[in-house]
Amino acid sequence: MSTATAVARPGAVLADLLPASRVRDAALVLGGAALTGLAAQLSVPVPGSPVPVTGQTFAALLVGTALGARRGFLSLALYALAGVAGLPWFAGGTSGAGAVSFGYILGMLLASAAVGALARRGADRSVLRMAGTMILGEAVIYAVGVPYLALAADLSASQAISLGLTPFLIGDALKAALAMGVLPTAWKFVSKR
């Protein structure tokens, strides 16, 4: 299938522009997990919060959007399983499921599938739809991560929100803005080829 055919085909995501094969899919899943692990190393502590600012949420949403729901979910599942098994590629080079921030990783699994499903419906091809897609993805991550933080760290709901959500909203807006520029631009570039 040519690039032009893939672009015109409804339901295509960026990864579908590559020649189809099981090897391609395996490489994309592995690459998505590795990208997320590398992005997690961009980690900045937030004073007073057990949750750092990282690049992994951006990577997880980018992976889901670019690869689609199934491959995006599998990438984040591989990322999570490898980290739980001891590979030190969670935020700041940590591993294991014992961290109070592990709920955000679980949320990223679901978010990657959600944004991937929306990308299959064309949500990654315009700035406004991409904004909504990123906001939804972030909301899914927080919907799992913040309650997990509250339970794991024995915090009240308001404490968990103030430590695990509020300090990250500006950074998430910046990540969403970056995604709003990158993905629709990639589609425009591909469409011109």
N, C-alpha and C. Protein backbone atom coordinates (compact mmCIF):
# COMPACT_ATOMS: atom_id res chain seq x y z
N MET A 1 0.85 -1.17 0.00
CA MET A 1 0.00 0.00 0.00
C MET A 1 0.89 1.23 0.00
N SER A 2 0.58 2.19 -0.83
CA SER A 2 1.39 3.40 -0.90
C SER A 2 1.04 4.33 0.25
N THR A 3 1.93 5.29 0.50
CA THR A 3 1.69 6.27 1.56
C THR A 3 0.42 7.05 1.28
N ALA A 4 0.20 7.43 0.02
CA ALA A 4 -1.00 8.19 -0.32
C ALA A 4 -2.26 7.39 -0.04
N THR A 5 -2.25 6.10 -0.32
CA THR A 5 -3.40 5.24 -0.04
C THR A 5 -3.65 5.17 1.46
N ALA A 6 -2.59 5.01 2.24
CA ALA A 6 -2.74 4.93 3.70
C ALA A 6 -3.27 6.23 4.27
N VAL A 7 -2.83 7.36 3.70
CA VAL A 7 -3.29 8.65 4.20
C VAL A 7 -4.78 8.81 3.90
N ALA A 8 -5.19 8.38 2.72
CA ALA A 8 -6.58 8.54 2.32
C ALA A 8 -7.49 7.54 3.03
N ARG A 9 -6.95 6.44 3.46
CA ARG A 9 -7.76 5.38 4.06
C ARG A 9 -8.29 5.82 5.42
N PRO A 10 -9.60 5.75 5.62
CA PRO A 10 -10.14 6.07 6.95
C PRO A 10 -9.60 5.08 7.98
N GLY A 11 -9.37 5.54 9.17
CA GLY A 11 -8.92 4.68 10.25
C GLY A 11 -7.43 4.46 10.32
N ALA A 12 -6.65 5.15 9.50
CA ALA A 12 -5.19 4.99 9.54
C ALA A 12 -4.60 5.87 10.64
N VAL A 13 -3.55 5.36 11.26
CA VAL A 13 -2.74 6.16 12.17
C VAL A 13 -1.36 6.26 11.53
N LEU A 14 -0.51 7.10 12.07
CA LEU A 14 0.80 7.32 11.46
C LEU A 14 1.58 6.02 11.26
N ALA A 15 1.52 5.12 12.21
CA ALA A 15 2.27 3.86 12.10
C ALA A 15 1.82 3.02 10.91
N ASP A 16 0.59 3.21 10.47
CA ASP A 16 0.07 2.44 9.34
C ASP A 16 0.70 2.85 8.02
N LEU A 17 1.45 3.93 8.01
CA LEU A 17 2.12 4.37 6.79
C LEU A 17 3.35 3.52 6.48
N LEU A 18 3.81 2.76 7.46
CA LEU A 18 4.93 1.84 7.25
C LEU A 18 4.40 0.54 6.66
N PRO A 19 5.21 -0.15 5.86
CA PRO A 19 4.76 -1.43 5.28
C PRO A 19 4.31 -2.40 6.38
N ALA A 20 3.15 -2.99 6.19
CA ALA A 20 2.53 -3.84 7.20
C ALA A 20 3.24 -5.19 7.32
N SER A 21 3.51 -5.60 8.56
CA SER A 21 4.02 -6.93 8.87
C SER A 21 4.00 -7.12 10.37
N ARG A 22 4.12 -8.34 10.78
CA ARG A 22 4.20 -8.62 12.22
C ARG A 22 5.51 -8.08 12.80
N VAL A 23 6.55 -8.12 12.00
CA VAL A 23 7.84 -7.57 12.44
C VAL A 23 7.70 -6.08 12.69
N ARG A 24 7.02 -5.38 11.78
CA ARG A 24 6.78 -3.94 11.96
C ARG A 24 6.04 -3.70 13.26
N ASP A 25 4.96 -4.44 13.48
CA ASP A 25 4.17 -4.24 14.69
C ASP A 25 4.98 -4.51 15.95
N ALA A 26 5.77 -5.58 15.95
CA ALA A 26 6.61 -5.89 17.11
C ALA A 26 7.64 -4.78 17.35
N ALA A 27 8.25 -4.30 16.27
CA ALA A 27 9.23 -3.22 16.40
C ALA A 27 8.59 -1.94 16.91
N LEU A 28 7.38 -1.64 16.45
CA LEU A 28 6.68 -0.44 16.92
C LEU A 28 6.32 -0.56 18.40
N VAL A 29 5.86 -1.73 18.81
CA VAL A 29 5.51 -1.93 20.23
C VAL A 29 6.75 -1.80 21.10
N LEU A 30 7.82 -2.45 20.70
CA LEU A 30 9.08 -2.36 21.45
C LEU A 30 9.60 -0.92 21.46
N GLY A 31 9.55 -0.27 20.30
CA GLY A 31 10.02 1.11 20.21
C GLY A 31 9.18 2.05 21.07
N GLY A 32 7.87 1.84 21.11
CA GLY A 32 7.00 2.67 21.94
C GLY A 32 7.30 2.51 23.43
N ALA A 33 7.56 1.27 23.84
CA ALA A 33 7.93 1.01 25.24
C ALA A 33 9.26 1.67 25.56
N ALA A 34 10.22 1.54 24.66
CA ALA A 34 11.55 2.13 24.88
C ALA A 34 11.47 3.65 24.93
N LEU A 35 10.69 4.25 24.04
CA LEU A 35 10.53 5.71 24.05
C LEU A 35 9.95 6.17 25.38
N THR A 36 8.96 5.45 25.87
CA THR A 36 8.34 5.81 27.15
C THR A 36 9.35 5.67 28.29
N GLY A 37 10.14 4.59 28.26
CA GLY A 37 11.16 4.40 29.29
C GLY A 37 12.22 5.48 29.26
N LEU A 38 12.64 5.87 28.07
CA LEU A 38 13.63 6.96 27.95
C LEU A 38 13.04 8.29 28.42
N ALA A 39 11.80 8.56 28.03
CA ALA A 39 11.15 9.81 28.43
C ALA A 39 10.94 9.88 29.94
N ALA A 40 10.78 8.74 30.58
CA ALA A 40 10.60 8.71 32.04
C ALA A 40 11.87 9.18 32.76
N GLN A 41 13.00 9.10 32.08
CA GLN A 41 14.25 9.54 32.71
C GLN A 41 14.34 11.06 32.76
N LEU A 42 13.52 11.74 31.98
CA LEU A 42 13.40 13.19 32.10
C LEU A 42 12.48 13.43 33.28
N SER A 43 13.05 13.46 34.45
CA SER A 43 12.28 13.47 35.69
C SER A 43 12.76 14.60 36.59
N VAL A 44 11.80 15.44 37.00
CA VAL A 44 12.11 16.57 37.88
C VAL A 44 11.22 16.45 39.12
N PRO A 45 11.84 16.38 40.31
CA PRO A 45 11.04 16.29 41.53
C PRO A 45 10.17 17.54 41.72
N VAL A 46 8.99 17.32 42.27
CA VAL A 46 8.08 18.42 42.62
C VAL A 46 8.13 18.56 44.13
N PRO A 47 8.55 19.71 44.65
CA PRO A 47 8.64 19.87 46.10
C PRO A 47 7.32 19.53 46.80
N GLY A 48 7.41 18.64 47.78
CA GLY A 48 6.26 18.23 48.56
C GLY A 48 5.43 17.12 47.96
N SER A 49 5.69 16.75 46.72
CA SER A 49 4.90 15.70 46.07
C SER A 49 5.75 14.46 45.86
N PRO A 50 5.16 13.28 46.06
CA PRO A 50 5.90 12.04 45.78
C PRO A 50 5.94 11.71 44.28
N VAL A 51 5.29 12.54 43.46
CA VAL A 51 5.19 12.30 42.03
C VAL A 51 6.04 13.34 41.30
N PRO A 52 7.01 12.91 40.48
CA PRO A 52 7.82 13.87 39.74
C PRO A 52 7.15 14.27 38.42
N VAL A 53 7.62 15.36 37.86
CA VAL A 53 7.25 15.73 36.49
C VAL A 53 8.16 14.90 35.59
N THR A 54 7.57 14.21 34.61
CA THR A 54 8.37 13.39 33.70
C THR A 54 7.92 13.59 32.26
N GLY A 55 8.70 13.04 31.36
CA GLY A 55 8.31 13.04 29.96
C GLY A 55 7.51 11.81 29.59
N GLN A 56 7.31 10.88 30.51
CA GLN A 56 6.67 9.62 30.15
C GLN A 56 5.20 9.78 29.82
N THR A 57 4.50 10.72 30.42
CA THR A 57 3.09 10.89 30.06
C THR A 57 2.97 11.37 28.62
N PHE A 58 3.82 12.31 28.23
CA PHE A 58 3.82 12.79 26.85
C PHE A 58 4.14 11.64 25.90
N ALA A 59 5.16 10.86 26.24
CA ALA A 59 5.55 9.73 25.39
C ALA A 59 4.42 8.72 25.29
N ALA A 60 3.76 8.42 26.39
CA ALA A 60 2.68 7.44 26.38
C ALA A 60 1.53 7.89 25.48
N LEU A 61 1.18 9.16 25.55
CA LEU A 61 0.10 9.68 24.71
C LEU A 61 0.52 9.76 23.24
N LEU A 62 1.76 10.11 23.01
CA LEU A 62 2.28 10.15 21.65
C LEU A 62 2.31 8.75 21.05
N VAL A 63 2.76 7.78 21.83
CA VAL A 63 2.81 6.39 21.38
C VAL A 63 1.40 5.89 21.04
N GLY A 64 0.45 6.13 21.91
CA GLY A 64 -0.91 5.69 21.65
C GLY A 64 -1.49 6.33 20.39
N THR A 65 -1.25 7.61 20.23
CA THR A 65 -1.79 8.33 19.08
C THR A 65 -1.13 7.88 17.79
N ALA A 66 0.17 7.73 17.79
CA ALA A 66 0.89 7.37 16.57
C ALA A 66 0.73 5.90 16.19
N LEU A 67 0.59 5.02 17.18
CA LEU A 67 0.52 3.59 16.91
C LEU A 67 -0.89 3.04 16.83
N GLY A 68 -1.85 3.75 17.39
CA GLY A 68 -3.22 3.23 17.47
C GLY A 68 -3.45 2.53 18.79
N ALA A 69 -4.70 2.23 19.06
CA ALA A 69 -5.10 1.71 20.37
C ALA A 69 -4.41 0.40 20.73
N ARG A 70 -4.43 -0.58 19.84
CA ARG A 70 -3.89 -1.90 20.17
C ARG A 70 -2.38 -1.85 20.38
N ARG A 71 -1.65 -1.33 19.41
CA ARG A 71 -0.20 -1.28 19.54
C ARG A 71 0.23 -0.32 20.65
N GLY A 72 -0.51 0.77 20.83
CA GLY A 72 -0.19 1.70 21.91
C GLY A 72 -0.36 1.04 23.27
N PHE A 73 -1.48 0.33 23.44
CA PHE A 73 -1.71 -0.38 24.70
C PHE A 73 -0.62 -1.42 24.94
N LEU A 74 -0.29 -2.19 23.90
CA LEU A 74 0.75 -3.21 24.05
C LEU A 74 2.10 -2.59 24.40
N SER A 75 2.42 -1.45 23.82
CA SER A 75 3.67 -0.76 24.15
C SER A 75 3.72 -0.38 25.62
N LEU A 76 2.63 0.20 26.11
CA LEU A 76 2.61 0.61 27.51
C LEU A 76 2.52 -0.58 28.45
N ALA A 77 1.88 -1.66 28.01
CA ALA A 77 1.87 -2.88 28.82
C ALA A 77 3.28 -3.45 28.93
N LEU A 78 4.01 -3.46 27.83
CA LEU A 78 5.40 -3.93 27.85
C LEU A 78 6.24 -3.04 28.75
N TYR A 79 6.06 -1.73 28.63
CA TYR A 79 6.77 -0.78 29.49
C TYR A 79 6.50 -1.08 30.96
N ALA A 80 5.23 -1.25 31.31
CA ALA A 80 4.85 -1.51 32.70
C ALA A 80 5.39 -2.85 33.20
N LEU A 81 5.21 -3.89 32.40
CA LEU A 81 5.66 -5.22 32.81
C LEU A 81 7.18 -5.29 32.97
N ALA A 82 7.90 -4.68 32.05
CA ALA A 82 9.37 -4.68 32.17
C ALA A 82 9.81 -3.91 33.40
N GLY A 83 9.15 -2.80 33.69
CA GLY A 83 9.49 -2.03 34.89
C GLY A 83 9.16 -2.78 36.18
N VAL A 84 8.02 -3.46 36.20
CA VAL A 84 7.65 -4.26 37.37
C VAL A 84 8.64 -5.40 37.55
N ALA A 85 9.13 -5.96 36.44
CA ALA A 85 10.08 -7.08 36.50
C ALA A 85 11.48 -6.63 36.92
N GLY A 86 11.72 -5.33 37.01
CA GLY A 86 13.01 -4.85 37.52
C GLY A 86 13.81 -3.98 36.58
N LEU A 87 13.37 -3.80 35.34
CA LEU A 87 14.10 -2.90 34.44
C LEU A 87 13.96 -1.48 34.97
N PRO A 88 15.07 -0.80 35.26
CA PRO A 88 14.99 0.52 35.91
C PRO A 88 14.66 1.65 34.93
N TRP A 89 13.44 1.63 34.38
CA TRP A 89 13.09 2.67 33.42
C TRP A 89 11.81 3.40 33.75
N PHE A 90 11.37 3.28 35.02
CA PHE A 90 10.31 4.17 35.47
C PHE A 90 10.97 5.51 35.83
N ALA A 91 10.19 6.46 36.25
CA ALA A 91 10.70 7.81 36.53
C ALA A 91 11.95 7.77 37.41
N GLY A 92 12.98 8.44 36.94
CA GLY A 92 14.21 8.54 37.72
C GLY A 92 14.99 7.25 37.84
N GLY A 93 14.77 6.29 36.94
CA GLY A 93 15.52 5.04 36.98
C GLY A 93 15.04 4.05 38.01
N THR A 94 13.78 4.16 38.42
CA THR A 94 13.23 3.22 39.41
C THR A 94 12.53 2.07 38.68
N SER A 95 12.13 1.08 39.45
CA SER A 95 11.39 -0.06 38.90
C SER A 95 10.50 -0.62 40.00
N GLY A 96 9.66 -1.58 39.64
CA GLY A 96 8.78 -2.23 40.61
C GLY A 96 7.41 -1.59 40.67
N ALA A 97 6.49 -2.29 41.29
CA ALA A 97 5.11 -1.81 41.39
C ALA A 97 4.82 -1.16 42.73
N GLY A 98 5.82 -0.99 43.57
CA GLY A 98 5.58 -0.48 44.92
C GLY A 98 5.50 1.03 45.05
N ALA A 99 5.85 1.78 44.03
CA ALA A 99 5.85 3.24 44.14
C ALA A 99 4.42 3.77 44.23
N VAL A 100 4.25 4.85 44.97
CA VAL A 100 2.92 5.46 45.09
C VAL A 100 2.46 6.07 43.77
N SER A 101 3.37 6.25 42.85
CA SER A 101 3.02 6.82 41.55
C SER A 101 2.73 5.75 40.48
N PHE A 102 2.72 4.48 40.86
CA PHE A 102 2.49 3.41 39.88
C PHE A 102 1.11 3.51 39.24
N GLY A 103 0.16 4.10 39.91
CA GLY A 103 -1.18 4.27 39.34
C GLY A 103 -1.17 5.10 38.07
N TYR A 104 -0.24 6.03 37.97
CA TYR A 104 -0.14 6.84 36.75
C TYR A 104 0.29 5.96 35.57
N ILE A 105 1.15 5.00 35.84
CA ILE A 105 1.57 4.07 34.78
C ILE A 105 0.38 3.23 34.32
N LEU A 106 -0.42 2.76 35.27
CA LEU A 106 -1.63 2.02 34.91
C LEU A 106 -2.58 2.90 34.10
N GLY A 107 -2.69 4.16 34.51
CA GLY A 107 -3.52 5.10 33.76
C GLY A 107 -3.01 5.32 32.35
N MET A 108 -1.69 5.31 32.18
CA MET A 108 -1.10 5.49 30.84
C MET A 108 -1.47 4.33 29.92
N LEU A 109 -1.59 3.13 30.46
CA LEU A 109 -2.04 1.99 29.66
C LEU A 109 -3.41 2.29 29.03
N LEU A 110 -4.34 2.71 29.86
CA LEU A 110 -5.69 3.00 29.38
C LEU A 110 -5.71 4.22 28.47
N ALA A 111 -4.94 5.23 28.85
CA ALA A 111 -4.91 6.47 28.06
C ALA A 111 -4.35 6.22 26.67
N SER A 112 -3.32 5.39 26.55
CA SER A 112 -2.74 5.11 25.24
C SER A 112 -3.77 4.45 24.33
N ALA A 113 -4.58 3.57 24.89
CA ALA A 113 -5.63 2.93 24.10
C ALA A 113 -6.70 3.94 23.71
N ALA A 114 -7.07 4.82 24.64
CA ALA A 114 -8.12 5.80 24.35
C ALA A 114 -7.69 6.78 23.27
N VAL A 115 -6.49 7.34 23.39
CA VAL A 115 -6.04 8.30 22.37
C VAL A 115 -5.77 7.60 21.04
N GLY A 116 -5.34 6.35 21.09
CA GLY A 116 -5.14 5.58 19.86
C GLY A 116 -6.44 5.34 19.13
N ALA A 117 -7.50 5.05 19.88
CA ALA A 117 -8.82 4.86 19.26
C ALA A 117 -9.31 6.16 18.63
N LEU A 118 -9.07 7.27 19.30
CA LEU A 118 -9.47 8.56 18.74
C LEU A 118 -8.64 8.91 17.51
N ALA A 119 -7.36 8.57 17.53
CA ALA A 119 -6.52 8.83 16.36
C ALA A 119 -7.02 8.05 15.14
N ARG A 120 -7.51 6.85 15.36
CA ARG A 120 -8.07 6.06 14.25
C ARG A 120 -9.29 6.74 13.65
N ARG A 121 -9.89 7.63 14.40
CA ARG A 121 -11.06 8.38 13.92
C ARG A 121 -10.66 9.77 13.42
N GLY A 122 -9.34 9.99 13.27
CA GLY A 122 -8.85 11.25 12.71
C GLY A 122 -8.57 12.35 13.71
N ALA A 123 -8.58 12.05 15.00
CA ALA A 123 -8.38 13.08 16.01
C ALA A 123 -6.96 13.65 16.02
N ASP A 124 -6.03 12.98 15.36
CA ASP A 124 -4.64 13.46 15.35
C ASP A 124 -4.33 14.31 14.12
N ARG A 125 -5.33 14.66 13.35
CA ARG A 125 -5.07 15.35 12.09
C ARG A 125 -5.38 16.84 12.13
N SER A 126 -5.96 17.33 13.20
CA SER A 126 -6.18 18.77 13.33
C SER A 126 -5.78 19.22 14.73
N VAL A 127 -5.43 20.48 14.84
CA VAL A 127 -4.95 21.02 16.11
C VAL A 127 -6.05 20.94 17.18
N LEU A 128 -7.26 21.34 16.84
CA LEU A 128 -8.33 21.35 17.85
C LEU A 128 -8.70 19.94 18.32
N ARG A 129 -8.82 19.02 17.39
CA ARG A 129 -9.15 17.64 17.80
C ARG A 129 -8.01 17.02 18.58
N MET A 130 -6.78 17.38 18.21
CA MET A 130 -5.62 16.86 18.95
C MET A 130 -5.62 17.40 20.38
N ALA A 131 -6.01 18.65 20.55
CA ALA A 131 -6.10 19.22 21.90
C ALA A 131 -7.08 18.42 22.75
N GLY A 132 -8.25 18.14 22.21
CA GLY A 132 -9.23 17.36 22.95
C GLY A 132 -8.74 15.96 23.26
N THR A 133 -8.03 15.36 22.31
CA THR A 133 -7.48 14.02 22.49
C THR A 133 -6.47 14.00 23.64
N MET A 134 -5.58 14.98 23.67
CA MET A 134 -4.56 15.04 24.73
C MET A 134 -5.21 15.31 26.09
N ILE A 135 -6.20 16.17 26.12
CA ILE A 135 -6.88 16.46 27.39
C ILE A 135 -7.57 15.20 27.91
N LEU A 136 -8.23 14.47 27.02
CA LEU A 136 -8.87 13.22 27.42
C LEU A 136 -7.83 12.22 27.93
N GLY A 137 -6.71 12.09 27.22
CA GLY A 137 -5.66 11.17 27.64
C GLY A 137 -5.12 11.51 29.02
N GLU A 138 -4.86 12.79 29.24
CA GLU A 138 -4.38 13.22 30.56
C GLU A 138 -5.42 12.95 31.63
N ALA A 139 -6.70 13.19 31.32
CA ALA A 139 -7.77 12.94 32.29
C ALA A 139 -7.82 11.47 32.68
N VAL A 140 -7.64 10.58 31.72
CA VAL A 140 -7.63 9.15 32.01
C VAL A 140 -6.47 8.80 32.94
N ILE A 141 -5.30 9.35 32.65
CA ILE A 141 -4.12 9.09 33.50
C ILE A 141 -4.39 9.54 34.93
N TYR A 142 -4.93 10.74 35.10
CA TYR A 142 -5.21 11.25 36.44
C TYR A 142 -6.35 10.49 37.11
N ALA A 143 -7.33 10.04 36.35
CA ALA A 143 -8.47 9.31 36.92
C ALA A 143 -8.02 8.01 37.59
N VAL A 144 -6.92 7.44 37.12
CA VAL A 144 -6.37 6.24 37.75
C VAL A 144 -5.26 6.61 38.73
N GLY A 145 -4.39 7.52 38.33
CA GLY A 145 -3.21 7.85 39.13
C GLY A 145 -3.50 8.52 40.46
N VAL A 146 -4.42 9.47 40.47
CA VAL A 146 -4.69 10.22 41.70
C VAL A 146 -5.35 9.34 42.77
N PRO A 147 -6.39 8.55 42.45
CA PRO A 147 -6.95 7.66 43.48
C PRO A 147 -5.93 6.61 43.96
N TYR A 148 -5.10 6.11 43.04
CA TYR A 148 -4.05 5.16 43.43
C TYR A 148 -3.09 5.83 44.42
N LEU A 149 -2.70 7.05 44.11
CA LEU A 149 -1.82 7.82 45.01
C LEU A 149 -2.46 7.98 46.37
N ALA A 150 -3.74 8.31 46.39
CA ALA A 150 -4.45 8.49 47.67
C ALA A 150 -4.42 7.21 48.49
N LEU A 151 -4.68 6.08 47.85
CA LEU A 151 -4.68 4.81 48.56
C LEU A 151 -3.27 4.38 48.98
N ALA A 152 -2.33 4.49 48.06
CA ALA A 152 -0.96 4.01 48.34
C ALA A 152 -0.24 4.87 49.36
N ALA A 153 -0.52 6.17 49.38
CA ALA A 153 0.18 7.08 50.30
C ALA A 153 -0.69 7.46 51.49
N ASP A 154 -1.87 6.84 51.61
CA ASP A 154 -2.80 7.12 52.70
C ASP A 154 -3.11 8.62 52.80
N LEU A 155 -3.56 9.17 51.66
CA LEU A 155 -3.90 10.59 51.58
C LEU A 155 -5.40 10.75 51.42
N SER A 156 -5.92 11.89 51.83
CA SER A 156 -7.31 12.20 51.54
C SER A 156 -7.42 12.55 50.06
N ALA A 157 -8.63 12.60 49.55
CA ALA A 157 -8.84 12.93 48.14
C ALA A 157 -8.29 14.32 47.83
N SER A 158 -8.53 15.28 48.72
CA SER A 158 -8.04 16.65 48.46
C SER A 158 -6.51 16.71 48.52
N GLN A 159 -5.90 15.95 49.43
CA GLN A 159 -4.43 15.90 49.48
C GLN A 159 -3.86 15.28 48.21
N ALA A 160 -4.47 14.19 47.75
CA ALA A 160 -4.00 13.53 46.54
C ALA A 160 -4.13 14.45 45.33
N ILE A 161 -5.21 15.21 45.26
CA ILE A 161 -5.39 16.15 44.16
C ILE A 161 -4.34 17.27 44.23
N SER A 162 -4.10 17.78 45.43
CA SER A 162 -3.13 18.88 45.55
C SER A 162 -1.69 18.42 45.33
N LEU A 163 -1.38 17.15 45.61
CA LEU A 163 -0.02 16.63 45.42
C LEU A 163 0.17 15.90 44.09
N GLY A 164 -0.90 15.33 43.56
CA GLY A 164 -0.76 14.48 42.38
C GLY A 164 -1.46 14.96 41.13
N LEU A 165 -2.08 16.13 41.18
CA LEU A 165 -2.76 16.67 40.01
C LEU A 165 -2.42 18.14 39.78
N THR A 166 -2.74 18.96 40.75
CA THR A 166 -2.61 20.42 40.60
C THR A 166 -1.22 20.88 40.14
N PRO A 167 -0.12 20.36 40.72
CA PRO A 167 1.20 20.86 40.30
C PRO A 167 1.57 20.52 38.85
N PHE A 168 0.80 19.64 38.21
CA PHE A 168 1.18 19.14 36.89
C PHE A 168 0.36 19.73 35.76
N LEU A 169 -0.64 20.54 36.08
CA LEU A 169 -1.55 21.03 35.04
C LEU A 169 -0.86 21.93 34.02
N ILE A 170 0.02 22.80 34.44
CA ILE A 170 0.71 23.69 33.49
C ILE A 170 1.62 22.88 32.57
N GLY A 171 2.37 21.96 33.14
CA GLY A 171 3.24 21.11 32.33
C GLY A 171 2.45 20.27 31.34
N ASP A 172 1.29 19.78 31.76
CA ASP A 172 0.46 18.98 30.87
C ASP A 172 -0.11 19.84 29.74
N ALA A 173 -0.42 21.08 30.04
CA ALA A 173 -0.88 21.99 28.98
C ALA A 173 0.23 22.21 27.95
N LEU A 174 1.46 22.32 28.41
CA LEU A 174 2.59 22.49 27.49
C LEU A 174 2.80 21.22 26.65
N LYS A 175 2.69 20.05 27.28
CA LYS A 175 2.82 18.79 26.54
C LYS A 175 1.72 18.66 25.49
N ALA A 176 0.50 19.04 25.86
CA ALA A 176 -0.62 18.98 24.92
C ALA A 176 -0.37 19.93 23.75
N ALA A 177 0.14 21.11 24.04
CA ALA A 177 0.44 22.08 22.97
C ALA A 177 1.49 21.53 22.01
N LEU A 178 2.48 20.86 22.56
CA LEU A 178 3.52 20.26 21.71
C LEU A 178 2.91 19.18 20.82
N ALA A 179 2.09 18.33 21.39
CA ALA A 179 1.43 17.28 20.60
C ALA A 179 0.50 17.87 19.56
N MET A 180 -0.16 18.97 19.90
CA MET A 180 -1.07 19.63 18.96
C MET A 180 -0.31 20.14 17.74
N GLY A 181 0.95 20.45 17.90
CA GLY A 181 1.75 20.89 16.78
C GLY A 181 2.38 19.74 16.02
N VAL A 182 2.88 18.74 16.75
CA VAL A 182 3.66 17.67 16.12
C VAL A 182 2.81 16.75 15.24
N LEU A 183 1.75 16.20 15.77
CA LEU A 183 1.00 15.18 15.03
C LEU A 183 0.24 15.73 13.82
N PRO A 184 -0.52 16.81 13.94
CA PRO A 184 -1.16 17.33 12.73
C PRO A 184 -0.14 17.77 11.67
N THR A 185 1.01 18.28 12.11
CA THR A 185 2.05 18.66 11.16
C THR A 185 2.62 17.44 10.46
N ALA A 186 2.80 16.36 11.18
CA ALA A 186 3.28 15.12 10.56
C ALA A 186 2.31 14.65 9.48
N TRP A 187 1.01 14.72 9.75
CA TRP A 187 0.02 14.31 8.75
C TRP A 187 0.05 15.24 7.54
N LYS A 188 0.21 16.54 7.76
CA LYS A 188 0.29 17.47 6.62
C LYS A 188 1.52 17.17 5.78
N PHE A 189 2.62 16.88 6.42
CA PHE A 189 3.85 16.56 5.70
C PHE A 189 3.65 15.29 4.86
N VAL A 190 3.07 14.27 5.44
CA VAL A 190 2.85 13.00 4.75
C VAL A 190 1.87 13.19 3.59
N SER A 191 0.84 14.01 3.80
CA SER A 191 -0.17 14.23 2.76
C SER A 191 0.43 14.89 1.52
N LYS A 192 1.46 15.71 1.70
CA LYS A 192 2.08 16.41 0.58
C LYS A 192 3.00 15.52 -0.22
N ARG A 193 3.37 14.38 0.32
CA ARG A 193 4.31 13.47 -0.37
C ARG A 193 3.62 12.65 -1.39
